[in-house]
Amino acid sequence: MSHTKNLAVAISLMAIGMICIPIGDGIAKHIQAITEYQPVMVSWARFSLGALLLLPYVIVSRQLPSPTASNRGFWGQQILRGLLIAATVTFIVTAVGLSPIADVFGAFFIGPGISVILAQWLLGVRANRTDWLAVMLGFLGVLCVVQPTGEISPGIPWALASGCCYGAFLVATRWAAKSGPATGQLAAQFAVAAVFLTPFGLPQLLQHGLQVPVLLLATAVLSSSANWLSIVALAKVGNAVLAPVVYLQVVSATVVGIIMFDALPNVLTAIGLSLIIAAGVFQAICHWRVRAPDP
């Protein structure tokens, strides 16, 4: 496959994955509106179903190391990643239940900036001027969405907490990148998150019974598929090339909010969302120019 075609496939897969994430969260928001489930129950169902979908495949294909195997560091790293992603999803599911989904994703995108800071501090990964400029531009966009001088929507603090956890998750994922097969890591991450959330989610299932199973399955499949597609895409091309595609989540969240919930962002929020997208595109273009081969 030619480089151009490989790049096109990677971008397409990543784009589909990023579009799926807000759709899954929109369904999670709808589930909370029509059932008695709390956000943690929805998160638990998402990870549990995701683990059930992935574990049989990775076990049969031997992509999941045994806990007694020599590379025990794999499980320590996946436990950390699983706890962080469990917190990330639980917080953002809580946020979308309280605030417009576009606003939530705008605040959530404090995560990439957090990851740049933590990666430099914990992993010694030096950020260049372009990265810091993109972080500041994105943070300005987040401020426009959060609007701290006005009345803060009740879901925004949860979205910011989710973004901070996600930033830490990105750093942990980079740290664990070579610990094992990508699909095995994804399955382990889901399994750890499901186990961690079981004491909170299972009592709600026993109390309220199984409600809207099709919607629960839909949000789990969308989440699992998005993670899978991003892993496949990142395996084909570098992270810098796909960086702007990640910001399709903001666009998708805005569209989902309008279509599913009749939630139009106000002018300042729209400006903030635009700045967040511009930060990602600017960073990627600068990386492309630096890495582009000489003619």
C-alpha atoms as a PDB file:
ATOM      1  CA  MET A   1       0.000   0.000   0.000  1.00  0.00           C
ATOM      2  CA  SER A   2       1.392   3.420  -0.996  1.00  0.00           C
ATOM      3  CA  HIS A   3       2.180   6.022   1.640  1.00  0.00           C
ATOM      4  CA  THR A   4      -0.626   8.299   0.388  1.00  0.00           C
ATOM      5  CA  LYS A   5      -3.202   5.509   0.507  1.00  0.00           C
ATOM      6  CA  ASN A   6      -1.941   4.365   3.913  1.00  0.00           C
ATOM      7  CA  LEU A   7      -2.269   7.920   5.228  1.00  0.00           C
ATOM      8  CA  ALA A   8      -5.796   8.226   3.791  1.00  0.00           C
ATOM      9  CA  VAL A   9      -6.852   4.969   5.459  1.00  0.00           C
ATOM     10  CA  ALA A  10      -5.364   6.017   8.808  1.00  0.00           C
ATOM     11  CA  ILE A  11      -7.054   9.422   8.739  1.00  0.00           C
ATOM     12  CA  SER A  12     -10.386   7.838   7.760  1.00  0.00           C
ATOM     13  CA  LEU A  13     -10.219   5.281  10.587  1.00  0.00           C
ATOM     14  CA  MET A  14      -9.237   7.926  13.121  1.00  0.00           C
ATOM     15  CA  ALA A  15     -12.003  10.265  11.930  1.00  0.00           C
ATOM     16  CA  ILE A  16     -14.664   7.565  12.298  1.00  0.00           C
ATOM     17  CA  GLY A  17     -13.397   6.760  15.784  1.00  0.00           C
ATOM     18  CA  MET A  18     -13.407  10.381  16.925  1.00  0.00           C
ATOM     19  CA  ILE A  19     -16.916  10.936  15.557  1.00  0.00           C
ATOM     20  CA  CYS A  20     -18.152   7.837  17.409  1.00  0.00           C
ATOM     21  CA  ILE A  21     -17.009   8.997  20.860  1.00  0.00           C
ATOM     22  CA  PRO A  22     -19.471  11.922  21.285  1.00  0.00           C
ATOM     23  CA  ILE A  23     -22.262   9.826  19.759  1.00  0.00           C
ATOM     24  CA  GLY A  24     -21.649   7.200  22.441  1.00  0.00           C
ATOM     25  CA  ASP A  25     -21.643   9.909  25.108  1.00  0.00           C
ATOM     26  CA  GLY A  26     -24.819  11.385  23.656  1.00  0.00           C
ATOM     27  CA  ILE A  27     -26.479   7.986  24.049  1.00  0.00           C
ATOM     28  CA  ALA A  28     -25.141   7.856  27.625  1.00  0.00           C
ATOM     29  CA  LYS A  29     -26.746  11.256  28.276  1.00  0.00           C
ATOM     30  CA  HIS A  30     -30.049   9.950  26.891  1.00  0.00           C
ATOM     31  CA  ILE A  31     -29.837   6.810  29.040  1.00  0.00           C
ATOM     32  CA  GLN A  32     -29.515   8.920  32.172  1.00  0.00           C
ATOM     33  CA  ALA A  33     -32.534  10.974  31.134  1.00  0.00           C
ATOM     34  CA  ILE A  34     -34.864   7.982  30.626  1.00  0.00           C
ATOM     35  CA  THR A  35     -33.667   5.551  33.323  1.00  0.00           C
ATOM     36  CA  GLU A  36     -32.858   5.547  37.014  1.00  0.00           C
ATOM     37  CA  TYR A  37     -29.219   4.730  36.355  1.00  0.00           C
ATOM     38  CA  GLN A  38     -26.470   6.926  37.783  1.00  0.00           C
ATOM     39  CA  PRO A  39     -23.439   7.846  35.589  1.00  0.00           C
ATOM     40  CA  VAL A  40     -21.226   5.241  37.254  1.00  0.00           C
ATOM     41  CA  MET A  41     -23.664   2.495  36.206  1.00  0.00           C
ATOM     42  CA  VAL A  42     -23.498   3.621  32.576  1.00  0.00           C
ATOM     43  CA  SER A  43     -19.689   3.711  32.733  1.00  0.00           C
ATOM     44  CA  TRP A  44     -19.536   0.262  34.335  1.00  0.00           C
ATOM     45  CA  ALA A  45     -21.820  -1.192  31.668  1.00  0.00           C
ATOM     46  CA  ARG A  46     -19.706   0.403  28.930  1.00  0.00           C
ATOM     47  CA  PHE A  47     -16.444  -1.094  30.195  1.00  0.00           C
ATOM     48  CA  SER A  48     -17.939  -4.459  31.118  1.00  0.00           C
ATOM     49  CA  LEU A  49     -19.519  -4.963  27.712  1.00  0.00           C
ATOM     50  CA  GLY A  50     -16.365  -3.676  26.010  1.00  0.00           C
ATOM     51  CA  ALA A  51     -14.252  -6.177  27.957  1.00  0.00           C
ATOM     52  CA  LEU A  52     -16.628  -9.019  27.084  1.00  0.00           C
ATOM     53  CA  LEU A  53     -16.362  -8.090  23.400  1.00  0.00           C
ATOM     54  CA  LEU A  54     -12.534  -7.974  23.390  1.00  0.00           C
ATOM     55  CA  LEU A  55     -11.320 -10.526  25.942  1.00  0.00           C
ATOM     56  CA  PRO A  56     -12.256 -13.714  24.034  1.00  0.00           C
ATOM     57  CA  TYR A  57     -10.341 -12.521  20.969  1.00  0.00           C
ATOM     58  CA  VAL A  58      -7.179 -11.432  22.795  1.00  0.00           C
ATOM     59  CA  ILE A  59      -7.121 -14.607  24.904  1.00  0.00           C
ATOM     60  CA  VAL A  60      -7.481 -16.897  21.875  1.00  0.00           C
ATOM     61  CA  SER A  61      -4.902 -14.889  19.917  1.00  0.00           C
ATOM     62  CA  ARG A  62      -2.586 -14.828  22.961  1.00  0.00           C
ATOM     63  CA  GLN A  63      -2.336 -11.033  23.010  1.00  0.00           C
ATOM     64  CA  LEU A  64      -2.966 -10.888  26.760  1.00  0.00           C
ATOM     65  CA  PRO A  65       0.070 -11.839  28.877  1.00  0.00           C
ATOM     66  CA  SER A  66      -0.494 -14.040  31.912  1.00  0.00           C
ATOM     67  CA  PRO A  67      -0.207 -12.273  35.295  1.00  0.00           C
ATOM     68  CA  THR A  68       2.504 -14.810  36.152  1.00  0.00           C
ATOM     69  CA  ALA A  69       4.485 -14.115  32.981  1.00  0.00           C
ATOM     70  CA  SER A  70       7.883 -12.470  33.055  1.00  0.00           C
ATOM     71  CA  ASN A  71       6.560  -9.094  31.864  1.00  0.00           C
ATOM     72  CA  ARG A  72       4.594  -8.362  35.029  1.00  0.00           C
ATOM     73  CA  GLY A  73       5.100  -4.667  34.389  1.00  0.00           C
ATOM     74  CA  PHE A  74       2.378  -4.995  31.741  1.00  0.00           C
ATOM     75  CA  TRP A  75      -0.318  -5.505  34.363  1.00  0.00           C
ATOM     76  CA  GLY A  76       0.910  -2.727  36.621  1.00  0.00           C
ATOM     77  CA  GLN A  77       0.806  -0.311  33.703  1.00  0.00           C
ATOM     78  CA  GLN A  78      -2.637  -1.502  32.586  1.00  0.00           C
ATOM     79  CA  ILE A  79      -4.034  -1.159  36.119  1.00  0.00           C
ATOM     80  CA  LEU A  80      -2.932   2.476  36.145  1.00  0.00           C
ATOM     81  CA  ARG A  81      -4.379   3.067  32.660  1.00  0.00           C
ATOM     82  CA  GLY A  82      -7.605   1.275  33.584  1.00  0.00           C
ATOM     83  CA  LEU A  83      -8.138   3.377  36.712  1.00  0.00           C
ATOM     84  CA  LEU A  84      -7.464   6.605  34.827  1.00  0.00           C
ATOM     85  CA  ILE A  85      -9.805   5.774  31.934  1.00  0.00           C
ATOM     86  CA  ALA A  86     -12.496   4.622  34.394  1.00  0.00           C
ATOM     87  CA  ALA A  87     -12.335   8.014  36.096  1.00  0.00           C
ATOM     88  CA  THR A  88     -12.222   9.811  32.728  1.00  0.00           C
ATOM     89  CA  VAL A  89     -15.361   8.138  31.390  1.00  0.00           C
ATOM     90  CA  THR A  90     -17.303   8.277  34.666  1.00  0.00           C
ATOM     91  CA  PHE A  91     -16.617  12.002  35.022  1.00  0.00           C
ATOM     92  CA  ILE A  92     -17.527  12.829  31.424  1.00  0.00           C
ATOM     93  CA  VAL A  93     -20.703  10.711  31.530  1.00  0.00           C
ATOM     94  CA  THR A  94     -21.623  12.660  34.675  1.00  0.00           C
ATOM     95  CA  ALA A  95     -20.839  15.922  32.872  1.00  0.00           C
ATOM     96  CA  VAL A  96     -22.948  15.217  29.778  1.00  0.00           C
ATOM     97  CA  GLY A  97     -25.872  14.405  32.046  1.00  0.00           C
ATOM     98  CA  LEU A  98     -25.690  17.898  33.556  1.00  0.00           C
ATOM     99  CA  SER A  99     -24.581  20.211  30.722  1.00  0.00           C
ATOM    100  CA  PRO A 100     -24.773  20.609  26.922  1.00  0.00           C
ATOM    101  CA  ILE A 101     -22.522  18.031  25.298  1.00  0.00           C
ATOM    102  CA  ALA A 102     -20.587  20.571  23.171  1.00  0.00           C
ATOM    103  CA  ASP A 103     -19.727  22.599  26.286  1.00  0.00           C
ATOM    104  CA  VAL A 104     -18.614  19.420  28.040  1.00  0.00           C
ATOM    105  CA  PHE A 105     -16.246  18.422  25.247  1.00  0.00           C
ATOM    106  CA  GLY A 106     -14.877  21.947  25.068  1.00  0.00           C
ATOM    107  CA  ALA A 107     -13.911  21.821  28.752  1.00  0.00           C
ATOM    108  CA  PHE A 108     -12.718  18.219  28.390  1.00  0.00           C
ATOM    109  CA  PHE A 109     -10.087  19.293  25.867  1.00  0.00           C
ATOM    110  CA  ILE A 110      -7.950  20.695  28.638  1.00  0.00           C
ATOM    111  CA  GLY A 111      -6.614  17.106  28.538  1.00  0.00           C
ATOM    112  CA  PRO A 112      -4.082  17.474  25.681  1.00  0.00           C
ATOM    113  CA  GLY A 113      -2.495  20.465  27.428  1.00  0.00           C
ATOM    114  CA  ILE A 114      -2.285  18.528  30.684  1.00  0.00           C
ATOM    115  CA  SER A 115      -0.621  15.648  28.831  1.00  0.00           C
ATOM    116  CA  VAL A 116       2.094  17.952  27.405  1.00  0.00           C
ATOM    117  CA  ILE A 117       2.910  19.255  30.889  1.00  0.00           C
ATOM    118  CA  LEU A 118       2.901  15.813  32.538  1.00  0.00           C
ATOM    119  CA  ALA A 119       4.908  14.191  29.736  1.00  0.00           C
ATOM    120  CA  GLN A 120       7.673  16.753  30.163  1.00  0.00           C
ATOM    121  CA  TRP A 121       7.633  16.415  33.953  1.00  0.00           C
ATOM    122  CA  LEU A 122       7.271  12.630  34.288  1.00  0.00           C
ATOM    123  CA  LEU A 123       8.719  11.215  31.065  1.00  0.00           C
ATOM    124  CA  GLY A 124      11.254  13.886  30.177  1.00  0.00           C
ATOM    125  CA  VAL A 125       9.572  14.522  26.807  1.00  0.00           C
ATOM    126  CA  ARG A 126      10.539  18.070  25.836  1.00  0.00           C
ATOM    127  CA  ALA A 127       7.787  20.148  24.266  1.00  0.00           C
ATOM    128  CA  ASN A 128       8.785  22.651  21.573  1.00  0.00           C
ATOM    129  CA  ARG A 129       7.460  26.186  21.115  1.00  0.00           C
ATOM    130  CA  THR A 130       4.745  24.974  18.769  1.00  0.00           C
ATOM    131  CA  ASP A 131       3.434  22.540  21.368  1.00  0.00           C
ATOM    132  CA  TRP A 132       3.346  25.216  24.070  1.00  0.00           C
ATOM    133  CA  LEU A 133       1.663  27.717  21.738  1.00  0.00           C
ATOM    134  CA  ALA A 134      -0.967  25.095  20.873  1.00  0.00           C
ATOM    135  CA  VAL A 135      -1.467  24.398  24.594  1.00  0.00           C
ATOM    136  CA  MET A 136      -2.017  28.097  25.329  1.00  0.00           C
ATOM    137  CA  LEU A 137      -4.382  28.517  22.374  1.00  0.00           C
ATOM    138  CA  GLY A 138      -6.340  25.447  23.410  1.00  0.00           C
ATOM    139  CA  PHE A 139      -6.460  26.632  27.023  1.00  0.00           C
ATOM    140  CA  LEU A 140      -7.824  30.000  25.876  1.00  0.00           C
ATOM    141  CA  GLY A 141     -10.519  28.084  23.999  1.00  0.00           C
ATOM    142  CA  VAL A 142     -11.335  26.070  27.123  1.00  0.00           C
ATOM    143  CA  LEU A 143     -11.673  29.320  29.103  1.00  0.00           C
ATOM    144  CA  CYS A 144     -14.163  30.598  26.518  1.00  0.00           C
ATOM    145  CA  VAL A 145     -16.210  27.430  26.918  1.00  0.00           C
ATOM    146  CA  VAL A 146     -15.997  27.338  30.722  1.00  0.00           C
ATOM    147  CA  GLN A 147     -16.609  31.102  31.039  1.00  0.00           C
ATOM    148  CA  PRO A 148     -15.317  31.326  34.631  1.00  0.00           C
ATOM    149  CA  THR A 149     -16.467  34.953  35.060  1.00  0.00           C
ATOM    150  CA  GLY A 150     -20.086  33.952  34.498  1.00  0.00           C
ATOM    151  CA  GLU A 151     -22.380  31.224  35.798  1.00  0.00           C
ATOM    152  CA  ILE A 152     -20.623  27.882  35.364  1.00  0.00           C
ATOM    153  CA  SER A 153     -22.798  25.050  34.091  1.00  0.00           C
ATOM    154  CA  PRO A 154     -22.939  22.208  36.682  1.00  0.00           C
ATOM    155  CA  GLY A 155     -21.339  19.674  34.339  1.00  0.00           C
ATOM    156  CA  ILE A 156     -18.247  21.772  33.554  1.00  0.00           C
ATOM    157  CA  PRO A 157     -16.251  20.919  36.730  1.00  0.00           C
ATOM    158  CA  TRP A 158     -16.842  17.232  35.989  1.00  0.00           C
ATOM    159  CA  ALA A 159     -15.699  17.780  32.392  1.00  0.00           C
ATOM    160  CA  LEU A 160     -12.522  19.527  33.578  1.00  0.00           C
ATOM    161  CA  ALA A 161     -11.833  16.665  36.002  1.00  0.00           C
ATOM    162  CA  SER A 162     -12.375  14.218  33.142  1.00  0.00           C
ATOM    163  CA  GLY A 163      -9.965  16.173  30.936  1.00  0.00           C
ATOM    164  CA  CYS A 164      -7.286  16.133  33.657  1.00  0.00           C
ATOM    165  CA  CYS A 165      -7.668  12.356  34.070  1.00  0.00           C
ATOM    166  CA  TYR A 166      -7.556  11.935  30.302  1.00  0.00           C
ATOM    167  CA  GLY A 167      -4.348  13.958  30.078  1.00  0.00           C
ATOM    168  CA  ALA A 168      -2.789  11.663  32.684  1.00  0.00           C
ATOM    169  CA  PHE A 169      -4.155   8.650  30.785  1.00  0.00           C
ATOM    170  CA  LEU A 170      -2.445   9.820  27.579  1.00  0.00           C
ATOM    171  CA  VAL A 171       0.882  10.052  29.409  1.00  0.00           C
ATOM    172  CA  ALA A 172       0.370   6.617  30.996  1.00  0.00           C
ATOM    173  CA  THR A 173      -0.458   5.185  27.559  1.00  0.00           C
ATOM    174  CA  ARG A 174       2.737   6.646  26.126  1.00  0.00           C
ATOM    175  CA  TRP A 175       4.686   5.184  29.061  1.00  0.00           C
ATOM    176  CA  ALA A 176       3.115   1.735  28.507  1.00  0.00           C
ATOM    177  CA  ALA A 177       3.263   1.813  24.706  1.00  0.00           C
ATOM    178  CA  LYS A 178       5.799  -1.013  24.373  1.00  0.00           C
ATOM    179  CA  SER A 179       4.529  -3.187  27.224  1.00  0.00           C
ATOM    180  CA  GLY A 180       2.447  -5.466  24.993  1.00  0.00           C
ATOM    181  CA  PRO A 181       0.172  -5.748  21.924  1.00  0.00           C
ATOM    182  CA  ALA A 182      -2.154  -2.774  21.473  1.00  0.00           C
ATOM    183  CA  THR A 183      -5.316  -4.890  21.424  1.00  0.00           C
ATOM    184  CA  GLY A 184      -4.192  -6.726  24.543  1.00  0.00           C
ATOM    185  CA  GLN A 185      -3.618  -3.414  26.294  1.00  0.00           C
ATOM    186  CA  LEU A 186      -7.077  -2.188  25.287  1.00  0.00           C
ATOM    187  CA  ALA A 187      -8.773  -5.352  26.574  1.00  0.00           C
ATOM    188  CA  ALA A 188      -6.800  -5.216  29.834  1.00  0.00           C
ATOM    189  CA  GLN A 189      -7.660  -1.530  30.239  1.00  0.00           C
ATOM    190  CA  PHE A 190     -11.375  -2.269  29.837  1.00  0.00           C
ATOM    191  CA  ALA A 191     -11.219  -5.248  32.202  1.00  0.00           C
ATOM    192  CA  VAL A 192      -9.448  -3.265  34.935  1.00  0.00           C
ATOM    193  CA  ALA A 193     -11.941  -0.389  34.605  1.00  0.00           C
ATOM    194  CA  ALA A 194     -14.886  -2.824  34.738  1.00  0.00           C
ATOM    195  CA  VAL A 195     -13.561  -4.543  37.879  1.00  0.00           C
ATOM    196  CA  PHE A 196     -12.878  -1.197  39.563  1.00  0.00           C
ATOM    197  CA  LEU A 197     -16.403   0.102  38.839  1.00  0.00           C
ATOM    198  CA  THR A 198     -18.237  -3.150  39.700  1.00  0.00           C
ATOM    199  CA  PRO A 199     -18.850  -2.255  43.393  1.00  0.00           C
ATOM    200  CA  PHE A 200     -20.558   0.957  42.222  1.00  0.00           C
ATOM    201  CA  GLY A 201     -22.377  -0.274  39.110  1.00  0.00           C
ATOM    202  CA  LEU A 202     -23.554  -3.751  40.096  1.00  0.00           C
ATOM    203  CA  PRO A 203     -25.754  -2.592  43.025  1.00  0.00           C
ATOM    204  CA  GLN A 204     -27.600  -0.258  40.658  1.00  0.00           C
ATOM    205  CA  LEU A 205     -28.170  -3.088  38.200  1.00  0.00           C
ATOM    206  CA  LEU A 206     -29.546  -5.267  41.011  1.00  0.00           C
ATOM    207  CA  GLN A 207     -31.717  -2.417  42.299  1.00  0.00           C
ATOM    208  CA  HIS A 208     -33.165  -1.138  39.025  1.00  0.00           C
ATOM    209  CA  GLY A 209     -32.823  -4.189  36.787  1.00  0.00           C
ATOM    210  CA  LEU A 210     -31.609  -4.255  33.208  1.00  0.00           C
ATOM    211  CA  GLN A 211     -33.044  -1.199  31.461  1.00  0.00           C
ATOM    212  CA  VAL A 212     -32.515  -0.151  27.829  1.00  0.00           C
ATOM    213  CA  PRO A 213     -30.028  -2.976  27.080  1.00  0.00           C
ATOM    214  CA  VAL A 214     -29.827  -1.996  23.404  1.00  0.00           C
ATOM    215  CA  LEU A 215     -28.722   1.539  24.275  1.00  0.00           C
ATOM    216  CA  LEU A 216     -26.201   0.263  26.834  1.00  0.00           C
ATOM    217  CA  LEU A 217     -24.776  -2.081  24.205  1.00  0.00           C
ATOM    218  CA  ALA A 218     -24.699   0.744  21.657  1.00  0.00           C
ATOM    219  CA  THR A 219     -22.667   3.080  23.873  1.00  0.00           C
ATOM    220  CA  ALA A 220     -20.268   0.224  24.719  1.00  0.00           C
ATOM    221  CA  VAL A 221     -19.799  -0.759  21.070  1.00  0.00           C
ATOM    222  CA  LEU A 222     -19.224   2.848  20.017  1.00  0.00           C
ATOM    223  CA  SER A 223     -16.643   3.356  22.762  1.00  0.00           C
ATOM    224  CA  SER A 224     -14.829   0.075  22.022  1.00  0.00           C
ATOM    225  CA  SER A 225     -14.878   0.706  18.283  1.00  0.00           C
ATOM    226  CA  ALA A 226     -13.520   4.234  18.699  1.00  0.00           C
ATOM    227  CA  ASN A 227     -10.615   2.974  20.797  1.00  0.00           C
ATOM    228  CA  TRP A 228      -9.911   0.136  18.379  1.00  0.00           C
ATOM    229  CA  LEU A 229      -9.985   2.386  15.313  1.00  0.00           C
ATOM    230  CA  SER A 230      -7.641   4.918  16.919  1.00  0.00           C
ATOM    231  CA  ILE A 231      -5.161   2.163  17.812  1.00  0.00           C
ATOM    232  CA  VAL A 232      -5.180   0.814  14.248  1.00  0.00           C
ATOM    233  CA  ALA A 233      -4.806   4.326  12.804  1.00  0.00           C
ATOM    234  CA  LEU A 234      -1.928   5.236  15.110  1.00  0.00           C
ATOM    235  CA  ALA A 235      -0.177   2.006  14.167  1.00  0.00           C
ATOM    236  CA  LYS A 236      -0.200   3.109  10.514  1.00  0.00           C
ATOM    237  CA  VAL A 237       1.099   6.680  10.868  1.00  0.00           C
ATOM    238  CA  GLY A 238       2.557   8.919  13.553  1.00  0.00           C
ATOM    239  CA  ASN A 239       0.610  10.625  16.303  1.00  0.00           C
ATOM    240  CA  ALA A 240       1.500  14.133  15.050  1.00  0.00           C
ATOM    241  CA  VAL A 241      -0.072  13.437  11.658  1.00  0.00           C
ATOM    242  CA  LEU A 242      -3.372  12.424  13.252  1.00  0.00           C
ATOM    243  CA  ALA A 243      -3.416  15.123  15.940  1.00  0.00           C
ATOM    244  CA  PRO A 244      -5.973  17.404  14.241  1.00  0.00           C
ATOM    245  CA  VAL A 245      -8.336  14.493  13.616  1.00  0.00           C
ATOM    246  CA  VAL A 246      -8.769  14.100  17.385  1.00  0.00           C
ATOM    247  CA  TYR A 247     -10.447  17.512  17.449  1.00  0.00           C
ATOM    248  CA  LEU A 248     -13.296  16.122  15.350  1.00  0.00           C
ATOM    249  CA  GLN A 249     -14.700  15.121  18.744  1.00  0.00           C
ATOM    250  CA  VAL A 250     -15.544  18.780  19.343  1.00  0.00           C
ATOM    251  CA  VAL A 251     -17.317  19.064  15.983  1.00  0.00           C
ATOM    252  CA  SER A 252     -19.124  15.767  16.503  1.00  0.00           C
ATOM    253  CA  ALA A 253     -20.179  16.781  20.033  1.00  0.00           C
ATOM    254  CA  THR A 254     -21.608  20.045  18.719  1.00  0.00           C
ATOM    255  CA  VAL A 255     -23.591  18.236  15.999  1.00  0.00           C
ATOM    256  CA  VAL A 256     -24.811  15.591  18.468  1.00  0.00           C
ATOM    257  CA  GLY A 257     -25.933  18.318  20.856  1.00  0.00           C
ATOM    258  CA  ILE A 258     -27.891  20.098  18.119  1.00  0.00           C
ATOM    259  CA  ILE A 259     -29.500  16.973  16.635  1.00  0.00           C
ATOM    260  CA  MET A 260     -30.216  14.952  19.779  1.00  0.00           C
ATOM    261  CA  PHE A 261     -30.814  17.658  22.365  1.00  0.00           C
ATOM    262  CA  ASP A 262     -31.552  20.913  20.453  1.00  0.00           C
ATOM    263  CA  ALA A 263     -28.574  22.491  22.244  1.00  0.00           C
ATOM    264  CA  LEU A 264     -27.076  25.362  20.285  1.00  0.00           C
ATOM    265  CA  PRO A 265     -23.784  26.729  21.715  1.00  0.00           C
ATOM    266  CA  ASN A 266     -23.716  30.456  22.499  1.00  0.00           C
ATOM    267  CA  VAL A 267     -21.349  32.826  20.728  1.00  0.00           C
ATOM    268  CA  LEU A 268     -18.530  32.667  23.301  1.00  0.00           C
ATOM    269  CA  THR A 269     -18.737  28.870  23.447  1.00  0.00           C
ATOM    270  CA  ALA A 270     -18.599  28.685  19.646  1.00  0.00           C
ATOM    271  CA  ILE A 271     -15.488  30.896  19.668  1.00  0.00           C
ATOM    272  CA  GLY A 272     -13.899  28.650  22.300  1.00  0.00           C
ATOM    273  CA  LEU A 273     -14.660  25.477  20.318  1.00  0.00           C
ATOM    274  CA  SER A 274     -13.140  27.099  17.228  1.00  0.00           C
ATOM    275  CA  LEU A 275      -9.961  28.004  19.142  1.00  0.00           C
ATOM    276  CA  ILE A 276      -9.632  24.436  20.440  1.00  0.00           C
ATOM    277  CA  ILE A 277      -9.914  23.028  16.915  1.00  0.00           C
ATOM    278  CA  ALA A 278      -7.501  25.679  15.586  1.00  0.00           C
ATOM    279  CA  ALA A 279      -4.941  24.702  18.247  1.00  0.00           C
ATOM    280  CA  GLY A 280      -4.936  21.086  17.085  1.00  0.00           C
ATOM    281  CA  VAL A 281      -4.772  21.952  13.398  1.00  0.00           C
ATOM    282  CA  PHE A 282      -1.969  24.492  13.971  1.00  0.00           C
ATOM    283  CA  GLN A 283       0.093  21.968  15.950  1.00  0.00           C
ATOM    284  CA  ALA A 284      -0.308  19.274  13.309  1.00  0.00           C
ATOM    285  CA  ILE A 285       0.579  21.585  10.396  1.00  0.00           C
ATOM    286  CA  CYS A 286       3.757  22.666  12.171  1.00  0.00           C
ATOM    287  CA  HIS A 287       4.720  19.034  12.803  1.00  0.00           C
ATOM    288  CA  TRP A 288       4.036  18.127   9.177  1.00  0.00           C
ATOM    289  CA  ARG A 289       6.282  20.950   7.934  1.00  0.00           C
ATOM    290  CA  VAL A 290       9.109  19.942  10.254  1.00  0.00           C
ATOM    291  CA  ARG A 291       8.899  16.265   9.276  1.00  0.00           C
ATOM    292  CA  ALA A 292       8.241  16.735   5.578  1.00  0.00           C
ATOM    293  CA  PRO A 293      11.057  15.324   3.399  1.00  0.00           C
ATOM    294  CA  ASP A 294      13.012  17.636   1.156  1.00  0.00           C
ATOM    295  CA  PRO A 295      11.808  17.713  -2.476  1.00  0.00           C
END
